[in-house]
PDB file of N, CA and C in Angstrom:
ATOM      1  N   MET A   1     -19.254 -67.557-198.941  1.00  0.00           N
ATOM      2  CA  MET A   1     -17.976 -67.583-199.579  1.00  0.00           C
ATOM      3  C   MET A   1     -17.800 -68.838-200.420  1.00  0.00           C
ATOM      4  N   THR A   2     -18.238 -69.974-199.917  1.00  0.00           N
ATOM      5  CA  THR A   2     -18.115 -71.206-200.702  1.00  0.00           C
ATOM      6  C   THR A   2     -19.029 -71.153-201.913  1.00  0.00           C
ATOM      7  N   SER A   3     -20.116 -70.423-201.800  1.00  0.00           N
ATOM      8  CA  SER A   3     -21.020 -70.275-202.931  1.00  0.00           C
ATOM      9  C   SER A   3     -20.353 -69.495-204.054  1.00  0.00           C
ATOM     10  N   ALA A   4     -19.605 -68.468-203.723  1.00  0.00           N
ATOM     11  CA  ALA A   4     -18.902 -67.684-204.735  1.00  0.00           C
ATOM     12  C   ALA A   4     -17.794 -68.508-205.378  1.00  0.00           C
ATOM     13  N   MET A   5     -17.110 -69.307-204.585  1.00  0.00           N
ATOM     14  CA  MET A   5     -16.053 -70.161-205.129  1.00  0.00           C
ATOM     15  C   MET A   5     -16.638 -71.241-206.037  1.00  0.00           C
ATOM     16  N   THR A   6     -17.773 -71.776-205.646  1.00  0.00           N
ATOM     17  CA  THR A   6     -18.419 -72.801-206.455  1.00  0.00           C
ATOM     18  C   THR A   6     -18.856 -72.223-207.794  1.00  0.00           C
ATOM     19  N   ARG A   7     -19.462 -71.024-207.767  1.00  0.00           N
ATOM     20  CA  ARG A   7     -19.888 -70.383-209.013  1.00  0.00           C
ATOM     21  C   ARG A   7     -18.688 -70.074-209.911  1.00  0.00           C
ATOM     22  N   THR A   8     -17.583 -69.598-209.326  1.00  0.00           N
ATOM     23  CA  THR A   8     -16.390 -69.291-210.102  1.00  0.00           C
ATOM     24  C   THR A   8     -15.812 -70.561-210.714  1.00  0.00           C
ATOM     25  N   LEU A   9     -15.786 -71.619-209.933  1.00  0.00           N
ATOM     26  CA  LEU A   9     -15.279 -72.895-210.440  1.00  0.00           C
ATOM     27  C   LEU A   9     -16.162 -73.421-211.564  1.00  0.00           C
ATOM     28  N   CYS A  10     -17.452 -73.330-211.396  1.00  0.00           N
ATOM     29  CA  CYS A  10     -18.368 -73.775-212.452  1.00  0.00           C
ATOM     30  C   CYS A  10     -18.193 -72.958-213.722  1.00  0.00           C
ATOM     31  N   ARG A  11     -18.057 -71.677-213.596  1.00  0.00           N
ATOM     32  CA  ARG A  11     -17.851 -70.833-214.766  1.00  0.00           C
ATOM     33  C   ARG A  11     -16.538 -71.176-215.472  1.00  0.00           C
ATOM     34  N   LEU A  12     -15.500 -71.401-214.667  1.00  0.00           N
ATOM     35  CA  LEU A  12     -14.206 -71.783-215.240  1.00  0.00           C
ATOM     36  C   LEU A  12     -14.317 -73.104-215.999  1.00  0.00           C
ATOM     37  N   LEU A  13     -15.006 -74.056-215.427  1.00  0.00           N
ATOM     38  CA  LEU A  13     -15.179 -75.346-216.085  1.00  0.00           C
ATOM     39  C   LEU A  13     -15.991 -75.218-217.374  1.00  0.00           C
ATOM     40  N   ILE A  14     -16.993 -74.381-217.374  1.00  0.00           N
ATOM     41  CA  ILE A  14     -17.805 -74.161-218.579  1.00  0.00           C
ATOM     42  C   ILE A  14     -16.950 -73.550-219.683  1.00  0.00           C
ATOM     43  N   VAL A  15     -16.143 -72.556-219.327  1.00  0.00           N
ATOM     44  CA  VAL A  15     -15.273 -71.920-220.319  1.00  0.00           C
ATOM     45  C   VAL A  15     -14.253 -72.919-220.851  1.00  0.00           C
ATOM     46  N   LEU A  16     -13.658 -73.703-219.979  1.00  0.00           N
ATOM     47  CA  LEU A  16     -12.670 -74.695-220.425  1.00  0.00           C
ATOM     48  C   LEU A  16     -13.296 -75.755-221.326  1.00  0.00           C
ATOM     49  N   MET A  17     -14.517 -76.155-221.013  1.00  0.00           N
ATOM     50  CA  MET A  17     -15.197 -77.145-221.867  1.00  0.00           C
ATOM     51  C   MET A  17     -15.524 -76.557-223.233  1.00  0.00           C
ATOM     52  N   ALA A  18     -15.827 -75.276-223.275  1.00  0.00           N
ATOM     53  CA  ALA A  18     -16.125 -74.636-224.558  1.00  0.00           C
ATOM     54  C   ALA A  18     -14.862 -74.512-225.403  1.00  0.00           C
ATOM     55  N   TRP A  19     -13.728 -74.321-224.785  1.00  0.00           N
ATOM     56  CA  TRP A  19     -12.469 -74.185-225.524  1.00  0.00           C
ATOM     57  C   TRP A  19     -11.884 -75.531-225.921  1.00  0.00           C
ATOM     58  N   MET A  20     -12.252 -76.581-225.231  1.00  0.00           N
ATOM     59  CA  MET A  20     -11.668 -77.887-225.479  1.00  0.00           C
ATOM     60  C   MET A  20     -12.176 -78.448-226.811  1.00  0.00           C
ATOM     61  N   PRO A  21     -11.272 -78.815-227.690  1.00  0.00           N
ATOM     62  CA  PRO A  21     -11.724 -79.390-228.960  1.00  0.00           C
ATOM     63  C   PRO A  21     -12.237 -80.813-228.754  1.00  0.00           C
ATOM     64  N   PHE A  22     -13.257 -81.100-229.510  1.00  0.00           N
ATOM     65  CA  PHE A  22     -13.834 -82.427-229.441  1.00  0.00           C
ATOM     66  C   PHE A  22     -13.335 -83.239-230.622  1.00  0.00           C
ATOM     67  N   HIS A  23     -12.774 -84.386-230.333  1.00  0.00           N
ATOM     68  CA  HIS A  23     -12.275 -85.275-231.372  1.00  0.00           C
ATOM     69  C   HIS A  23     -13.087 -86.559-231.348  1.00  0.00           C
ATOM     70  N   VAL A  24     -13.369 -87.035-232.535  1.00  0.00           N
ATOM     71  CA  VAL A  24     -14.086 -88.284-232.637  1.00  0.00           C
ATOM     72  C   VAL A  24     -13.076 -89.361-232.998  1.00  0.00           C
ATOM     73  N   ALA A  25     -13.009 -90.376-232.186  1.00  0.00           N
ATOM     74  CA  ALA A  25     -12.070 -91.462-232.443  1.00  0.00           C
ATOM     75  C   ALA A  25     -12.704 -92.445-233.420  1.00  0.00           C
ATOM     76  N   GLN A  26     -11.869 -92.945-234.314  1.00  0.00           N
ATOM     77  CA  GLN A  26     -12.331 -93.958-235.252  1.00  0.00           C
ATOM     78  C   GLN A  26     -11.470 -95.189-235.093  1.00  0.00           C
ATOM     79  N   ALA A  27     -12.107 -96.298-235.136  1.00  0.00           N
ATOM     80  CA  ALA A  27     -11.395 -97.568-235.079  1.00  0.00           C
ATOM     81  C   ALA A  27     -11.851 -98.404-236.262  1.00  0.00           C
ATOM     82  N   GLY A  28     -10.949 -99.141-236.782  1.00  0.00           N
ATOM     83  CA  GLY A  28     -11.280 -99.991-237.909  1.00  0.00           C
ATOM     84  C   GLY A  28     -10.560-101.313-237.792  1.00  0.00           C
ATOM     85  N   ILE A  29     -11.037-102.236-238.502  1.00  0.00           N
ATOM     86  CA  ILE A  29     -10.422-103.561-238.515  1.00  0.00           C
ATOM     87  C   ILE A  29      -9.541-103.652-239.748  1.00  0.00           C
ATOM     88  N   ILE A  30      -8.310-104.104-239.534  1.00  0.00           N
ATOM     89  CA  ILE A  30      -7.424-104.315-240.670  1.00  0.00           C
ATOM     90  C   ILE A  30      -7.295-105.813-240.892  1.00  0.00           C
ATOM     91  N   SER A  31      -7.021-106.159-242.109  1.00  0.00           N
ATOM     92  CA  SER A  31      -6.901-107.575-242.419  1.00  0.00           C
ATOM     93  C   SER A  31      -5.529-108.085-241.999  1.00  0.00           C
ATOM     94  N   THR A  32      -5.426-109.385-241.916  1.00  0.00           N
ATOM     95  CA  THR A  32      -4.151-110.008-241.572  1.00  0.00           C
ATOM     96  C   THR A  32      -3.108-109.697-242.626  1.00  0.00           C
ATOM     97  N   ASP A  33      -3.520-109.650-243.877  1.00  0.00           N
ATOM     98  CA  ASP A  33      -2.581-109.348-244.957  1.00  0.00           C
ATOM     99  C   ASP A  33      -1.962-107.960-244.776  1.00  0.00           C
ATOM    100  N   GLN A  34      -2.762-106.982-244.362  1.00  0.00           N
ATOM    101  CA  GLN A  34      -2.239-105.642-244.151  1.00  0.00           C
ATOM    102  C   GLN A  34      -1.236-105.618-242.999  1.00  0.00           C
ATOM    103  N   ALA A  35      -1.531-106.332-241.931  1.00  0.00           N
ATOM    104  CA  ALA A  35      -0.623-106.371-240.782  1.00  0.00           C
ATOM    105  C   ALA A  35       0.680-107.066-241.140  1.00  0.00           C
ATOM    106  N   VAL A  36       0.592-108.164-241.876  1.00  0.00           N
ATOM    107  CA  VAL A  36       1.793-108.913-242.264  1.00  0.00           C
ATOM    108  C   VAL A  36       2.620-108.114-243.256  1.00  0.00           C
ATOM    109  N   SER A  37       1.964-107.445-244.209  1.00  0.00           N
ATOM    110  CA  SER A  37       2.729-106.673-245.189  1.00  0.00           C
ATOM    111  C   SER A  37       3.440-105.504-244.532  1.00  0.00           C
ATOM    112  N   SER A  38       2.840-104.919-243.503  1.00  0.00           N
ATOM    113  CA  SER A  38       3.495-103.835-242.772  1.00  0.00           C
ATOM    114  C   SER A  38       4.738-104.355-242.060  1.00  0.00           C
ATOM    115  N   ALA A  39       4.630-105.506-241.423  1.00  0.00           N
ATOM    116  CA  ALA A  39       5.778-106.092-240.728  1.00  0.00           C
ATOM    117  C   ALA A  39       6.870-106.473-241.718  1.00  0.00           C
ATOM    118  N   GLN A  40       6.480-106.989-242.870  1.00  0.00           N
ATOM    119  CA  GLN A  40       7.472-107.363-243.877  1.00  0.00           C
ATOM    120  C   GLN A  40       8.163-106.125-244.444  1.00  0.00           C
ATOM    121  N   ALA A  41       7.431-105.047-244.627  1.00  0.00           N
ATOM    122  CA  ALA A  41       8.037-103.805-245.130  1.00  0.00           C
ATOM    123  C   ALA A  41       9.035-103.241-244.126  1.00  0.00           C
ATOM    124  N   ASP A  42       8.681-103.303-242.842  1.00  0.00           N
ATOM    125  CA  ASP A  42       9.600-102.827-241.810  1.00  0.00           C
ATOM    126  C   ASP A  42      10.867-103.680-241.769  1.00  0.00           C
ATOM    127  N   ARG A  43      10.687-104.992-241.861  1.00  0.00           N
ATOM    128  CA  ARG A  43      11.833-105.900-241.847  1.00  0.00           C
ATOM    129  C   ARG A  43      12.732-105.650-243.061  1.00  0.00           C
ATOM    130  N   ALA A  44      12.126-105.404-244.215  1.00  0.00           N
ATOM    131  CA  ALA A  44      12.891-105.123-245.436  1.00  0.00           C
ATOM    132  C   ALA A  44      13.672-103.821-245.289  1.00  0.00           C
ATOM    133  N   ALA A  45      13.078-102.820-244.641  1.00  0.00           N
ATOM    134  CA  ALA A  45      13.774-101.543-244.447  1.00  0.00           C
ATOM    135  C   ALA A  45      15.004-101.726-243.567  1.00  0.00           C
ATOM    136  N   VAL A  46      14.882-102.509-242.510  1.00  0.00           N
ATOM    137  CA  VAL A  46      16.022-102.741-241.621  1.00  0.00           C
ATOM    138  C   VAL A  46      17.092-103.557-242.349  1.00  0.00           C
ATOM    139  N   LEU A  47      16.681-104.566-243.096  1.00  0.00           N
ATOM    140  CA  LEU A  47      17.649-105.377-243.847  1.00  0.00           C
ATOM    141  C   LEU A  47      18.349-104.550-244.920  1.00  0.00           C
ATOM    142  N   ASN A  48      17.619-103.635-245.556  1.00  0.00           N
ATOM    143  CA  ASN A  48      18.245-102.761-246.547  1.00  0.00           C
ATOM    144  C   ASN A  48      19.300-101.864-245.911  1.00  0.00           C
ATOM    145  N   LEU A  49      19.047-101.427-244.702  1.00  0.00           N
ATOM    146  CA  LEU A  49      20.035-100.602-244.008  1.00  0.00           C
ATOM    147  C   LEU A  49      21.300-101.411-243.729  1.00  0.00           C
ATOM    148  N   ILE A  50      21.133-102.635-243.285  1.00  0.00           N
ATOM    149  CA  ILE A  50      22.288-103.476-242.975  1.00  0.00           C
ATOM    150  C   ILE A  50      23.107-103.754-244.230  1.00  0.00           C
ATOM    151  N   GLN A  51      22.456-103.842-245.370  1.00  0.00           N
ATOM    152  CA  GLN A  51      23.149-104.156-246.610  1.00  0.00           C
ATOM    153  C   GLN A  51      23.869-102.954-247.211  1.00  0.00           C
ATOM    154  N   ARG A  52      23.618-101.761-246.713  1.00  0.00           N
ATOM    155  CA  ARG A  52      24.347-100.583-247.218  1.00  0.00           C
ATOM    156  C   ARG A  52      25.830-100.745-246.933  1.00  0.00           C
ATOM    157  N   SER A  53      26.653-100.263-247.837  1.00  0.00           N
ATOM    158  CA  SER A  53      28.095-100.487-247.717  1.00  0.00           C
ATOM    159  C   SER A  53      28.687 -99.819-246.478  1.00  0.00           C
ATOM    160  N   ASP A  54      28.245 -98.600-246.153  1.00  0.00           N
ATOM    161  CA  ASP A  54      28.814 -97.920-244.991  1.00  0.00           C
ATOM    162  C   ASP A  54      28.426 -98.602-243.685  1.00  0.00           C
ATOM    163  N   VAL A  55      27.193 -99.076-243.612  1.00  0.00           N
ATOM    164  CA  VAL A  55      26.747 -99.765-242.399  1.00  0.00           C
ATOM    165  C   VAL A  55      27.432-101.128-242.303  1.00  0.00           C
ATOM    166  N   ALA A  56      27.542-101.839-243.439  1.00  0.00           N
ATOM    167  CA  ALA A  56      28.217-103.137-243.436  1.00  0.00           C
ATOM    168  C   ALA A  56      29.677-102.984-243.013  1.00  0.00           C
ATOM    169  N   ARG A  57      30.327-101.940-243.485  1.00  0.00           N
ATOM    170  CA  ARG A  57      31.718-101.673-243.106  1.00  0.00           C
ATOM    171  C   ARG A  57      31.808-101.393-241.611  1.00  0.00           C
ATOM    172  N   GLN A  58      30.859-100.622-241.098  1.00  0.00           N
ATOM    173  CA  GLN A  58      30.858-100.313-239.665  1.00  0.00           C
ATOM    174  C   GLN A  58      30.616-101.573-238.839  1.00  0.00           C
ATOM    175  N   LEU A  59      29.712-102.424-239.281  1.00  0.00           N
ATOM    176  CA  LEU A  59      29.465-103.680-238.577  1.00  0.00           C
ATOM    177  C   LEU A  59      30.726-104.544-238.574  1.00  0.00           C
ATOM    178  N   GLN A  60      31.398-104.626-239.715  1.00  0.00           N
ATOM    179  CA  GLN A  60      32.608-105.437-239.794  1.00  0.00           C
ATOM    180  C   GLN A  60      33.720-104.857-238.939  1.00  0.00           C
ATOM    181  N   SER A  61      33.774-103.539-238.802  1.00  0.00           N
ATOM    182  CA  SER A  61      34.793-102.945-237.930  1.00  0.00           C
ATOM    183  C   SER A  61      34.540-103.303-236.469  1.00  0.00           C
ATOM    184  N   PHE A  62      33.293-103.588-236.130  1.00  0.00           N
ATOM    185  CA  PHE A  62      32.962-104.039-234.777  1.00  0.00           C
ATOM    186  C   PHE A  62      33.069-105.554-234.637  1.00  0.00           C
ATOM    187  N   GLY A  63      33.421-106.231-235.732  1.00  0.00           N
ATOM    188  CA  GLY A  63      33.592-107.685-235.690  1.00  0.00           C
ATOM    189  C   GLY A  63      32.317-108.465-235.915  1.00  0.00           C
ATOM    190  N   VAL A  64      31.326-107.839-236.502  1.00  0.00           N
ATOM    191  CA  VAL A  64      30.050-108.509-236.768  1.00  0.00           C
ATOM    192  C   VAL A  64      29.926-108.727-238.267  1.00  0.00           C
ATOM    193  N   GLU A  65      29.695-109.954-238.648  1.00  0.00           N
ATOM    194  CA  GLU A  65      29.483-110.249-240.059  1.00  0.00           C
ATOM    195  C   GLU A  65      28.085-109.793-240.463  1.00  0.00           C
ATOM    196  N   VAL A  66      27.953-109.356-241.700  1.00  0.00           N
ATOM    197  CA  VAL A  66      26.667-108.874-242.198  1.00  0.00           C
ATOM    198  C   VAL A  66      25.636-110.002-242.179  1.00  0.00           C
ATOM    199  N   ALA A  67      26.077-111.200-242.531  1.00  0.00           N
ATOM    200  CA  ALA A  67      25.154-112.342-242.538  1.00  0.00           C
ATOM    201  C   ALA A  67      24.615-112.623-241.137  1.00  0.00           C
ATOM    202  N   THR A  68      25.459-112.468-240.127  1.00  0.00           N
ATOM    203  CA  THR A  68      25.015-112.681-238.748  1.00  0.00           C
ATOM    204  C   THR A  68      23.980-111.631-238.348  1.00  0.00           C
ATOM    205  N   ALA A  69      24.248-110.395-238.716  1.00  0.00           N
ATOM    206  CA  ALA A  69      23.294-109.328-238.401  1.00  0.00           C
ATOM    207  C   ALA A  69      21.972-109.554-239.121  1.00  0.00           C
ATOM    208  N   GLN A  70      22.029-110.014-240.368  1.00  0.00           N
ATOM    209  CA  GLN A  70      20.795-110.290-241.114  1.00  0.00           C
ATOM    210  C   GLN A  70      20.020-111.433-240.476  1.00  0.00           C
ATOM    211  N   ASP A  71      20.727-112.446-239.997  1.00  0.00           N
ATOM    212  CA  ASP A  71      20.054-113.551-239.308  1.00  0.00           C
ATOM    213  C   ASP A  71      19.383-113.077-238.028  1.00  0.00           C
ATOM    214  N   ARG A  72      20.055-112.163-237.324  1.00  0.00           N
ATOM    215  CA  ARG A  72      19.468-111.647-236.086  1.00  0.00           C
ATOM    216  C   ARG A  72      18.235-110.795-236.374  1.00  0.00           C
ATOM    217  N   VAL A  73      18.286-110.021-237.443  1.00  0.00           N
ATOM    218  CA  VAL A  73      17.111-109.223-237.819  1.00  0.00           C
ATOM    219  C   VAL A  73      15.964-110.150-238.202  1.00  0.00           C
ATOM    220  N   ALA A  74      16.272-111.237-238.884  1.00  0.00           N
ATOM    221  CA  ALA A  74      15.234-112.196-239.254  1.00  0.00           C
ATOM    222  C   ALA A  74      14.618-112.853-238.026  1.00  0.00           C
ATOM    223  N   ALA A  75      15.391-112.946-236.938  1.00  0.00           N
ATOM    224  CA  ALA A  75      14.890-113.586-235.714  1.00  0.00           C
ATOM    225  C   ALA A  75      14.139-112.617-234.798  1.00  0.00           C
ATOM    226  N   LEU A  76      14.150-111.329-235.101  1.00  0.00           N
ATOM    227  CA  LEU A  76      13.460-110.349-234.262  1.00  0.00           C
ATOM    228  C   LEU A  76      11.954-110.520-234.357  1.00  0.00           C
ATOM    229  N   THR A  77      11.276-110.147-233.289  1.00  0.00           N
ATOM    230  CA  THR A  77       9.819-110.157-233.333  1.00  0.00           C
ATOM    231  C   THR A  77       9.330-108.968-234.158  1.00  0.00           C
ATOM    232  N   ASP A  78       8.084-109.000-234.539  1.00  0.00           N
ATOM    233  CA  ASP A  78       7.524-107.903-235.334  1.00  0.00           C
ATOM    234  C   ASP A  78       7.562-106.584-234.581  1.00  0.00           C
ATOM    235  N   ALA A  79       7.349-106.635-233.270  1.00  0.00           N
ATOM    236  CA  ALA A  79       7.378-105.400-232.473  1.00  0.00           C
ATOM    237  C   ALA A  79       8.781-104.800-232.445  1.00  0.00           C
ATOM    238  N   GLU A  80       9.801-105.652-232.324  1.00  0.00           N
ATOM    239  CA  GLU A  80      11.178-105.149-232.312  1.00  0.00           C
ATOM    240  C   GLU A  80      11.558-104.567-233.670  1.00  0.00           C
ATOM    241  N   VAL A  81      11.129-105.233-234.731  1.00  0.00           N
ATOM    242  CA  VAL A  81      11.420-104.726-236.077  1.00  0.00           C
ATOM    243  C   VAL A  81      10.690-103.407-236.298  1.00  0.00           C
ATOM    244  N   GLN A  82       9.467-103.316-235.824  1.00  0.00           N
ATOM    245  CA  GLN A  82       8.704-102.080-235.977  1.00  0.00           C
ATOM    246  C   GLN A  82       9.386-100.936-235.219  1.00  0.00           C
ATOM    247  N   SER A  83       9.936-101.226-234.057  1.00  0.00           N
ATOM    248  CA  SER A  83      10.648-100.206-233.286  1.00  0.00           C
ATOM    249  C   SER A  83      11.887 -99.733-234.039  1.00  0.00           C
ATOM    250  N   LEU A  84      12.674-100.669-234.563  1.00  0.00           N
ATOM    251  CA  LEU A  84      13.863-100.290-235.330  1.00  0.00           C
ATOM    252  C   LEU A  84      13.493 -99.507-236.583  1.00  0.00           C
ATOM    253  N   ALA A  85      12.469 -99.960-237.282  1.00  0.00           N
ATOM    254  CA  ALA A  85      12.046 -99.271-238.505  1.00  0.00           C
ATOM    255  C   ALA A  85      11.521 -97.878-238.175  1.00  0.00           C
ATOM    256  N   GLY A  86      10.854 -97.734-237.045  1.00  0.00           N
ATOM    257  CA  GLY A  86      10.385 -96.416-236.629  1.00  0.00           C
ATOM    258  C   GLY A  86      11.542 -95.470-236.385  1.00  0.00           C
ATOM    259  N   LYS A  87      12.632 -95.990-235.822  1.00  0.00           N
ATOM    260  CA  LYS A  87      13.816 -95.154-235.627  1.00  0.00           C
ATOM    261  C   LYS A  87      14.445 -94.802-236.966  1.00  0.00           C
ATOM    262  N   LEU A  88      14.389 -95.717-237.909  1.00  0.00           N
ATOM    263  CA  LEU A  88      14.920 -95.434-239.246  1.00  0.00           C
ATOM    264  C   LEU A  88      14.137 -94.326-239.929  1.00  0.00           C
ATOM    265  N   HIS A  89      12.814 -94.368-239.787  1.00  0.00           N
ATOM    266  CA  HIS A  89      11.974 -93.364-240.438  1.00  0.00           C
ATOM    267  C   HIS A  89      12.096 -91.999-239.763  1.00  0.00           C
ATOM    268  N   ALA A  90      12.571 -91.996-238.524  1.00  0.00           N
ATOM    269  CA  ALA A  90      12.723 -90.738-237.803  1.00  0.00           C
ATOM    270  C   ALA A  90      14.044 -90.045-238.121  1.00  0.00           C
ATOM    271  N   VAL A  91      14.937 -90.728-238.824  1.00  0.00           N
ATOM    272  CA  VAL A  91      16.238 -90.148-239.161  1.00  0.00           C
ATOM    273  C   VAL A  91      16.039 -89.021-240.163  1.00  0.00           C
ATOM    274  N   PRO A  92      16.741 -87.908-239.981  1.00  0.00           N
ATOM    275  CA  PRO A  92      16.614 -86.811-240.936  1.00  0.00           C
ATOM    276  C   PRO A  92      17.057 -87.244-242.336  1.00  0.00           C
ATOM    277  N   ALA A  93      16.494 -86.603-243.354  1.00  0.00           N
ATOM    278  CA  ALA A  93      16.772 -86.981-244.735  1.00  0.00           C
ATOM    279  C   ALA A  93      18.233 -86.791-245.098  1.00  0.00           C
ATOM    280  N   GLY A  94      18.896 -85.811-244.530  1.00  0.00           N
ATOM    281  CA  GLY A  94      20.301 -85.563-244.832  1.00  0.00           C
ATOM    282  C   GLY A  94      21.218 -86.582-244.198  1.00  0.00           C
ATOM    283  N   GLY A  95      20.718 -87.352-243.298  1.00  0.00           N
ATOM    284  CA  GLY A  95      21.527 -88.346-242.620  1.00  0.00           C
ATOM    285  C   GLY A  95      22.170 -87.760-241.381  1.00  0.00           C
ATOM    286  N   ASP A  96      22.393 -88.599-240.441  1.00  0.00           N
ATOM    287  CA  ASP A  96      23.011 -88.182-239.196  1.00  0.00           C
ATOM    288  C   ASP A  96      23.926 -89.313-238.745  1.00  0.00           C
ATOM    289  N   GLY A  97      25.199 -89.039-238.658  1.00  0.00           N
ATOM    290  CA  GLY A  97      26.161 -90.072-238.293  1.00  0.00           C
ATOM    291  C   GLY A  97      25.886 -90.656-236.926  1.00  0.00           C
ATOM    292  N   LEU A  98      25.412 -89.829-236.003  1.00  0.00           N
ATOM    293  CA  LEU A  98      25.119 -90.305-234.664  1.00  0.00           C
ATOM    294  C   LEU A  98      23.986 -91.327-234.687  1.00  0.00           C
ATOM    295  N   VAL A  99      22.975 -91.080-235.485  1.00  0.00           N
ATOM    296  CA  VAL A  99      21.842 -91.995-235.561  1.00  0.00           C
ATOM    297  C   VAL A  99      22.282 -93.327-236.165  1.00  0.00           C
ATOM    298  N   VAL A 100      23.137 -93.276-237.193  1.00  0.00           N
ATOM    299  CA  VAL A 100      23.630 -94.512-237.800  1.00  0.00           C
ATOM    300  C   VAL A 100      24.441 -95.298-236.781  1.00  0.00           C
ATOM    301  N   LEU A 101      25.299 -94.605-236.041  1.00  0.00           N
ATOM    302  CA  LEU A 101      26.076 -95.285-235.016  1.00  0.00           C
ATOM    303  C   LEU A 101      25.178 -95.855-233.922  1.00  0.00           C
ATOM    304  N   LEU A 102      24.148 -95.120-233.568  1.00  0.00           N
ATOM    305  CA  LEU A 102      23.211 -95.604-232.572  1.00  0.00           C
ATOM    306  C   LEU A 102      22.479 -96.844-233.069  1.00  0.00           C
ATOM    307  N   LEU A 103      22.076 -96.823-234.333  1.00  0.00           N
ATOM    308  CA  LEU A 103      21.386 -97.975-234.898  1.00  0.00           C
ATOM    309  C   LEU A 103      22.319 -99.174-234.987  1.00  0.00           C
ATOM    310  N   VAL A 104      23.565 -98.932-235.374  1.00  0.00           N
ATOM    311  CA  VAL A 104      24.551-100.020-235.405  1.00  0.00           C
ATOM    312  C   VAL A 104      24.753-100.557-233.990  1.00  0.00           C
ATOM    313  N   GLY A 105      24.771 -99.684-233.009  1.00  0.00           N
ATOM    314  CA  GLY A 105      24.888-100.122-231.623  1.00  0.00           C
ATOM    315  C   GLY A 105      23.719-100.987-231.190  1.00  0.00           C
ATOM    316  N   VAL A 106      22.507-100.616-231.588  1.00  0.00           N
ATOM    317  CA  VAL A 106      21.327-101.420-231.263  1.00  0.00           C
ATOM    318  C   VAL A 106      21.424-102.788-231.922  1.00  0.00           C
ATOM    319  N   ILE A 107      21.866-102.826-233.168  1.00  0.00           N
ATOM    320  CA  ILE A 107      22.006-104.107-233.865  1.00  0.00           C
ATOM    321  C   ILE A 107      23.069-104.958-233.182  1.00  0.00           C
ATOM    322  N   LEU A 108      24.190-104.335-232.786  1.00  0.00           N
ATOM    323  CA  LEU A 108      25.223-105.081-232.067  1.00  0.00           C
ATOM    324  C   LEU A 108      24.686-105.639-230.761  1.00  0.00           C
ATOM    325  N   TRP A 109      23.912-104.832-230.065  1.00  0.00           N
ATOM    326  CA  TRP A 109      23.312-105.304-228.817  1.00  0.00           C
ATOM    327  C   TRP A 109      22.411-106.497-229.086  1.00  0.00           C
ATOM    328  N   LEU A 110      21.631-106.427-230.145  1.00  0.00           N
ATOM    329  CA  LEU A 110      20.739-107.534-230.475  1.00  0.00           C
ATOM    330  C   LEU A 110      21.522-108.774-230.870  1.00  0.00           C
ATOM    331  N   VAL A 111      22.666-108.586-231.534  1.00  0.00           N
ATOM    332  CA  VAL A 111      23.450-109.733-231.991  1.00  0.00           C
ATOM    333  C   VAL A 111      24.166-110.409-230.834  1.00  0.00           C
ATOM    334  N   PHE A 112      24.820-109.632-229.969  1.00  0.00           N
ATOM    335  CA  PHE A 112      25.690-110.226-228.966  1.00  0.00           C
ATOM    336  C   PHE A 112      25.050-110.440-227.602  1.00  0.00           C
ATOM    337  N   TRP A 113      24.306-109.506-227.125  1.00  0.00           N
ATOM    338  CA  TRP A 113      23.838-109.587-225.746  1.00  0.00           C
ATOM    339  C   TRP A 113      22.429-110.120-225.601  1.00  0.00           C
ATOM    340  N   ARG A 114      21.788-110.395-226.650  1.00  0.00           N
ATOM    341  CA  ARG A 114      20.391-110.831-226.596  1.00  0.00           C
ATOM    342  C   ARG A 114      20.269-112.340-226.786  1.00  0.00           C
ATOM    343  N   LYS A 115      21.376-113.057-226.838  1.00  0.00           N
ATOM    344  CA  LYS A 115      21.350-114.507-227.091  1.00  0.00           C
ATOM    345  C   LYS A 115      20.718-115.248-226.010  1.00  0.00           C
TER     346      LYS A 115
END
């Protein structure tokens, strides 16, 4: 009985291996300039969002000056800026008020509670 189970298991594994796609991973080295330019582009995208009139108005309604928010964005690490920029790029093209409010909330959190 164990012999039949072993053969069935082996056959199942063979079939699964045949169906499994094989992917070849590639790794490459990027230059420091490429890494820095990516971080600068992400930071510029977040700063451009803060400078939009609707976002600036929303920040001011929460009592946050635009200059303060820009200073806080400038003080963020590259990983934090990349995370914020990734959320910006994930926003639908038509815009979503909830996402803007969520992003404003994240910026407020970074300004006030992260000191």
